[in-house]
N, C-alpha and C. Protein backbone atom coordinates (compact mmCIF):
# COMPACT_ATOMS: atom_id res chain seq x y z
N UNK A 1 40.07 -31.46 -5.64
CA UNK A 1 39.01 -30.83 -6.40
C UNK A 1 37.97 -31.88 -6.82
N UNK A 2 38.44 -33.02 -7.36
CA UNK A 2 37.53 -34.06 -7.81
C UNK A 2 36.78 -34.69 -6.65
N UNK A 3 37.46 -34.84 -5.51
CA UNK A 3 36.83 -35.46 -4.35
C UNK A 3 35.71 -34.58 -3.81
N UNK A 4 35.95 -33.27 -3.78
CA UNK A 4 34.92 -32.34 -3.29
C UNK A 4 33.70 -32.36 -4.20
N UNK A 5 33.93 -32.41 -5.51
CA UNK A 5 32.82 -32.46 -6.47
C UNK A 5 32.03 -33.76 -6.28
N UNK A 6 32.73 -34.86 -6.04
CA UNK A 6 32.07 -36.13 -5.80
C UNK A 6 31.19 -36.06 -4.56
N UNK A 7 31.68 -35.45 -3.50
CA UNK A 7 30.90 -35.33 -2.27
C UNK A 7 29.65 -34.49 -2.50
N UNK A 8 29.78 -33.38 -3.24
CA UNK A 8 28.63 -32.51 -3.50
C UNK A 8 27.59 -33.26 -4.32
N UNK A 9 28.02 -33.95 -5.37
CA UNK A 9 27.05 -34.68 -6.19
C UNK A 9 26.40 -35.82 -5.41
N UNK A 10 27.15 -36.46 -4.50
CA UNK A 10 26.59 -37.52 -3.68
C UNK A 10 25.51 -36.98 -2.75
N UNK A 11 25.77 -35.82 -2.15
CA UNK A 11 24.79 -35.21 -1.25
C UNK A 11 23.53 -34.82 -2.01
N UNK A 12 23.72 -34.27 -3.22
CA UNK A 12 22.56 -33.88 -4.04
C UNK A 12 21.72 -35.09 -4.41
N UNK A 13 22.37 -36.18 -4.84
CA UNK A 13 21.61 -37.36 -5.24
C UNK A 13 20.90 -37.99 -4.05
N UNK A 14 21.52 -37.96 -2.88
CA UNK A 14 20.86 -38.51 -1.70
C UNK A 14 19.63 -37.70 -1.31
N UNK A 15 19.70 -36.38 -1.45
CA UNK A 15 18.55 -35.56 -1.10
C UNK A 15 17.43 -35.76 -2.12
N UNK A 16 17.81 -35.96 -3.38
CA UNK A 16 16.78 -36.21 -4.39
C UNK A 16 16.12 -37.56 -4.17
N UNK A 17 16.90 -38.54 -3.75
CA UNK A 17 16.37 -39.89 -3.54
C UNK A 17 15.32 -39.89 -2.44
N UNK A 18 15.47 -39.06 -1.42
CA UNK A 18 14.51 -39.00 -0.33
C UNK A 18 13.21 -38.34 -0.77
N UNK A 19 13.30 -37.43 -1.73
CA UNK A 19 12.10 -36.72 -2.19
C UNK A 19 11.27 -37.58 -3.13
N UNK A 20 11.92 -38.53 -3.80
CA UNK A 20 11.20 -39.38 -4.75
C UNK A 20 10.30 -40.38 -4.04
N UNK A 21 9.17 -40.66 -4.66
CA UNK A 21 8.27 -41.70 -4.17
C UNK A 21 8.18 -42.74 -5.27
N UNK A 22 8.57 -43.95 -4.97
CA UNK A 22 8.59 -44.99 -6.00
C UNK A 22 7.18 -45.33 -6.48
N UNK A 23 6.25 -45.41 -5.56
CA UNK A 23 4.87 -45.71 -5.92
C UNK A 23 3.95 -45.22 -4.82
N UNK A 24 2.70 -45.09 -5.15
CA UNK A 24 1.71 -44.63 -4.20
C UNK A 24 1.06 -45.85 -3.55
N UNK A 25 1.36 -46.09 -2.28
CA UNK A 25 0.89 -47.30 -1.61
C UNK A 25 -0.63 -47.34 -1.50
N UNK A 26 -1.24 -46.19 -1.26
CA UNK A 26 -2.69 -46.17 -1.07
C UNK A 26 -3.43 -46.60 -2.34
N UNK A 27 -2.99 -46.10 -3.47
CA UNK A 27 -3.68 -46.45 -4.71
C UNK A 27 -3.51 -47.93 -5.04
N UNK A 28 -2.38 -48.51 -4.67
CA UNK A 28 -2.17 -49.94 -4.93
C UNK A 28 -3.13 -50.77 -4.08
N UNK A 29 -3.27 -50.43 -2.82
CA UNK A 29 -4.17 -51.20 -1.96
C UNK A 29 -5.63 -50.99 -2.34
N UNK A 30 -5.97 -49.77 -2.74
CA UNK A 30 -7.35 -49.51 -3.11
C UNK A 30 -7.71 -50.19 -4.42
N UNK A 31 -6.78 -50.20 -5.37
CA UNK A 31 -7.11 -50.77 -6.67
C UNK A 31 -7.30 -52.28 -6.59
N UNK A 32 -6.63 -52.95 -5.66
CA UNK A 32 -6.78 -54.40 -5.58
C UNK A 32 -8.11 -54.78 -4.92
N UNK A 33 -8.67 -53.89 -4.11
CA UNK A 33 -9.91 -54.21 -3.42
C UNK A 33 -11.15 -53.88 -4.25
N UNK A 34 -11.02 -53.02 -5.21
CA UNK A 34 -12.17 -52.60 -6.01
C UNK A 34 -12.39 -53.61 -7.13
N UNK A 35 -13.61 -54.11 -7.24
CA UNK A 35 -13.93 -55.05 -8.31
C UNK A 35 -14.24 -54.25 -9.57
N UNK A 36 -13.62 -54.64 -10.66
CA UNK A 36 -13.84 -53.95 -11.93
C UNK A 36 -15.03 -54.58 -12.64
N UNK A 37 -15.88 -53.73 -13.17
CA UNK A 37 -17.03 -54.22 -13.91
C UNK A 37 -16.62 -54.46 -15.36
N UNK A 38 -17.03 -55.57 -15.89
CA UNK A 38 -16.76 -55.87 -17.28
C UNK A 38 -17.75 -55.11 -18.16
N UNK A 39 -17.31 -54.59 -19.30
CA UNK A 39 -18.25 -53.88 -20.18
C UNK A 39 -19.26 -54.85 -20.77
N UNK A 40 -20.47 -54.37 -20.87
CA UNK A 40 -21.53 -55.19 -21.44
C UNK A 40 -21.86 -54.63 -22.82
N UNK A 41 -21.71 -55.45 -23.83
CA UNK A 41 -21.97 -55.03 -25.20
C UNK A 41 -23.35 -55.49 -25.60
N UNK A 42 -24.11 -54.57 -26.17
CA UNK A 42 -25.44 -54.91 -26.64
C UNK A 42 -25.34 -55.34 -28.09
N UNK A 43 -26.17 -56.25 -28.48
CA UNK A 43 -26.18 -56.71 -29.86
C UNK A 43 -26.95 -55.72 -30.72
N UNK A 44 -26.40 -55.43 -31.89
CA UNK A 44 -27.04 -54.49 -32.81
C UNK A 44 -27.98 -55.24 -33.74
N UNK A 45 -29.05 -54.56 -34.12
CA UNK A 45 -29.99 -55.16 -35.07
C UNK A 45 -29.40 -55.07 -36.48
N UNK A 46 -30.03 -55.72 -37.42
CA UNK A 46 -29.55 -55.70 -38.80
C UNK A 46 -29.59 -54.28 -39.38
N UNK A 47 -30.62 -53.52 -39.01
CA UNK A 47 -30.73 -52.14 -39.51
C UNK A 47 -29.59 -51.28 -38.96
N UNK A 48 -29.29 -51.46 -37.69
CA UNK A 48 -28.20 -50.69 -37.09
C UNK A 48 -26.85 -51.06 -37.71
N UNK A 49 -26.64 -52.35 -37.97
CA UNK A 49 -25.41 -52.79 -38.62
C UNK A 49 -25.29 -52.20 -40.02
N UNK A 50 -26.40 -52.14 -40.73
CA UNK A 50 -26.39 -51.56 -42.08
C UNK A 50 -26.05 -50.07 -42.03
N UNK A 51 -26.62 -49.35 -41.05
CA UNK A 51 -26.31 -47.92 -40.90
C UNK A 51 -24.84 -47.71 -40.56
N UNK A 52 -24.32 -48.55 -39.68
CA UNK A 52 -22.90 -48.43 -39.30
C UNK A 52 -22.02 -48.69 -40.51
N UNK A 53 -22.37 -49.71 -41.30
CA UNK A 53 -21.59 -50.05 -42.48
C UNK A 53 -21.60 -48.91 -43.49
N UNK A 54 -22.78 -48.32 -43.71
CA UNK A 54 -22.88 -47.20 -44.66
C UNK A 54 -22.09 -46.00 -44.18
N UNK A 55 -22.15 -45.73 -42.89
CA UNK A 55 -21.41 -44.61 -42.33
C UNK A 55 -19.91 -44.80 -42.49
N UNK A 56 -19.44 -46.02 -42.23
CA UNK A 56 -18.01 -46.31 -42.39
C UNK A 56 -17.57 -46.22 -43.85
N UNK A 57 -18.41 -46.70 -44.76
CA UNK A 57 -18.08 -46.61 -46.18
C UNK A 57 -17.99 -45.15 -46.64
N UNK A 58 -18.91 -44.32 -46.15
CA UNK A 58 -18.89 -42.91 -46.51
C UNK A 58 -17.64 -42.24 -45.93
N UNK A 59 -17.32 -42.56 -44.68
CA UNK A 59 -16.14 -41.99 -44.04
C UNK A 59 -14.88 -42.40 -44.80
N UNK A 60 -14.78 -43.67 -45.18
CA UNK A 60 -13.61 -44.15 -45.92
C UNK A 60 -13.50 -43.50 -47.28
N UNK A 61 -14.63 -43.28 -47.94
CA UNK A 61 -14.62 -42.62 -49.25
C UNK A 61 -14.10 -41.20 -49.14
N UNK A 62 -14.59 -40.47 -48.15
CA UNK A 62 -14.13 -39.09 -47.94
C UNK A 62 -12.65 -39.07 -47.60
N UNK A 63 -12.21 -39.99 -46.75
CA UNK A 63 -10.81 -40.06 -46.37
C UNK A 63 -9.93 -40.34 -47.58
N UNK A 64 -10.33 -41.29 -48.41
CA UNK A 64 -9.54 -41.64 -49.59
C UNK A 64 -9.49 -40.48 -50.58
N UNK A 65 -10.60 -39.75 -50.75
CA UNK A 65 -10.61 -38.61 -51.66
C UNK A 65 -9.67 -37.51 -51.16
N UNK A 66 -9.68 -37.25 -49.86
CA UNK A 66 -8.77 -36.25 -49.29
C UNK A 66 -7.33 -36.69 -49.47
N UNK A 67 -7.06 -37.97 -49.25
CA UNK A 67 -5.71 -38.49 -49.39
C UNK A 67 -5.22 -38.33 -50.82
N UNK A 68 -6.06 -38.64 -51.78
CA UNK A 68 -5.69 -38.49 -53.19
C UNK A 68 -5.46 -37.02 -53.52
N UNK A 69 -6.32 -36.14 -53.01
CA UNK A 69 -6.17 -34.70 -53.26
C UNK A 69 -4.88 -34.14 -52.68
N UNK A 70 -4.58 -34.51 -51.46
CA UNK A 70 -3.34 -34.02 -50.83
C UNK A 70 -2.12 -34.55 -51.55
N UNK A 71 -2.16 -35.82 -51.93
CA UNK A 71 -1.03 -36.42 -52.63
C UNK A 71 -0.82 -35.74 -53.98
N UNK A 72 -1.90 -35.49 -54.71
CA UNK A 72 -1.80 -34.83 -56.01
C UNK A 72 -1.25 -33.42 -55.85
N UNK A 73 -1.69 -32.71 -54.83
CA UNK A 73 -1.19 -31.35 -54.59
C UNK A 73 0.30 -31.35 -54.29
N UNK A 74 0.73 -32.25 -53.44
CA UNK A 74 2.15 -32.32 -53.08
C UNK A 74 3.00 -32.69 -54.29
N UNK A 75 2.53 -33.67 -55.08
CA UNK A 75 3.28 -34.06 -56.27
C UNK A 75 3.36 -32.92 -57.27
N UNK A 76 2.28 -32.17 -57.43
CA UNK A 76 2.27 -31.03 -58.34
C UNK A 76 3.28 -29.98 -57.90
N UNK A 77 3.31 -29.70 -56.62
CA UNK A 77 4.26 -28.71 -56.09
C UNK A 77 5.69 -29.20 -56.30
N UNK A 78 5.93 -30.48 -56.04
CA UNK A 78 7.28 -31.01 -56.20
C UNK A 78 7.72 -30.99 -57.65
N UNK A 79 6.85 -31.39 -58.56
CA UNK A 79 7.19 -31.41 -59.98
C UNK A 79 7.43 -30.00 -60.49
N UNK A 80 6.57 -29.07 -60.08
CA UNK A 80 6.76 -27.68 -60.52
C UNK A 80 8.07 -27.12 -59.96
N UNK A 81 8.44 -27.47 -58.77
CA UNK A 81 9.71 -27.04 -58.19
C UNK A 81 10.90 -27.57 -58.97
N UNK A 82 10.82 -28.84 -59.38
CA UNK A 82 11.90 -29.43 -60.16
C UNK A 82 12.00 -28.75 -61.53
N UNK A 83 10.86 -28.51 -62.16
CA UNK A 83 10.84 -27.84 -63.46
C UNK A 83 11.42 -26.44 -63.35
N UNK A 84 11.03 -25.70 -62.36
CA UNK A 84 11.55 -24.35 -62.17
C UNK A 84 13.06 -24.39 -61.91
N UNK A 85 13.51 -25.37 -61.13
CA UNK A 85 14.94 -25.48 -60.82
C UNK A 85 15.75 -25.74 -62.09
N UNK A 86 15.26 -26.70 -62.92
CA UNK A 86 16.02 -27.04 -64.13
C UNK A 86 15.91 -25.94 -65.19
N UNK A 87 14.81 -25.21 -65.25
CA UNK A 87 14.69 -24.09 -66.19
C UNK A 87 15.63 -22.96 -65.79
N UNK A 88 15.88 -22.83 -64.53
CA UNK A 88 16.79 -21.78 -64.04
C UNK A 88 18.23 -22.10 -64.45
N UNK A 89 18.57 -23.40 -64.53
CA UNK A 89 19.92 -23.79 -64.90
C UNK A 89 20.20 -23.56 -66.39
N UNK A 90 19.17 -23.61 -67.20
CA UNK A 90 19.36 -23.47 -68.65
C UNK A 90 19.65 -22.05 -69.06
């Protein structure tokens, strides 16, 4: 019984091994021949840097306010749950 099961599993794994492709040969050969262009970064002016800085500060302020609001809400729910639980025991 065990030997027959071993033979069946061996045949299944061999058939699966033939269907698998370890890598795509064409993409490997094509990727080595294609020259990659390096990104070119433009320098920002002082005005643009100031706008970026203000935008980031505003984004961070909004993010921090949301974080404080969510944290306060969760803590309020947790504290009220504890209070309700202990009032129920009394």
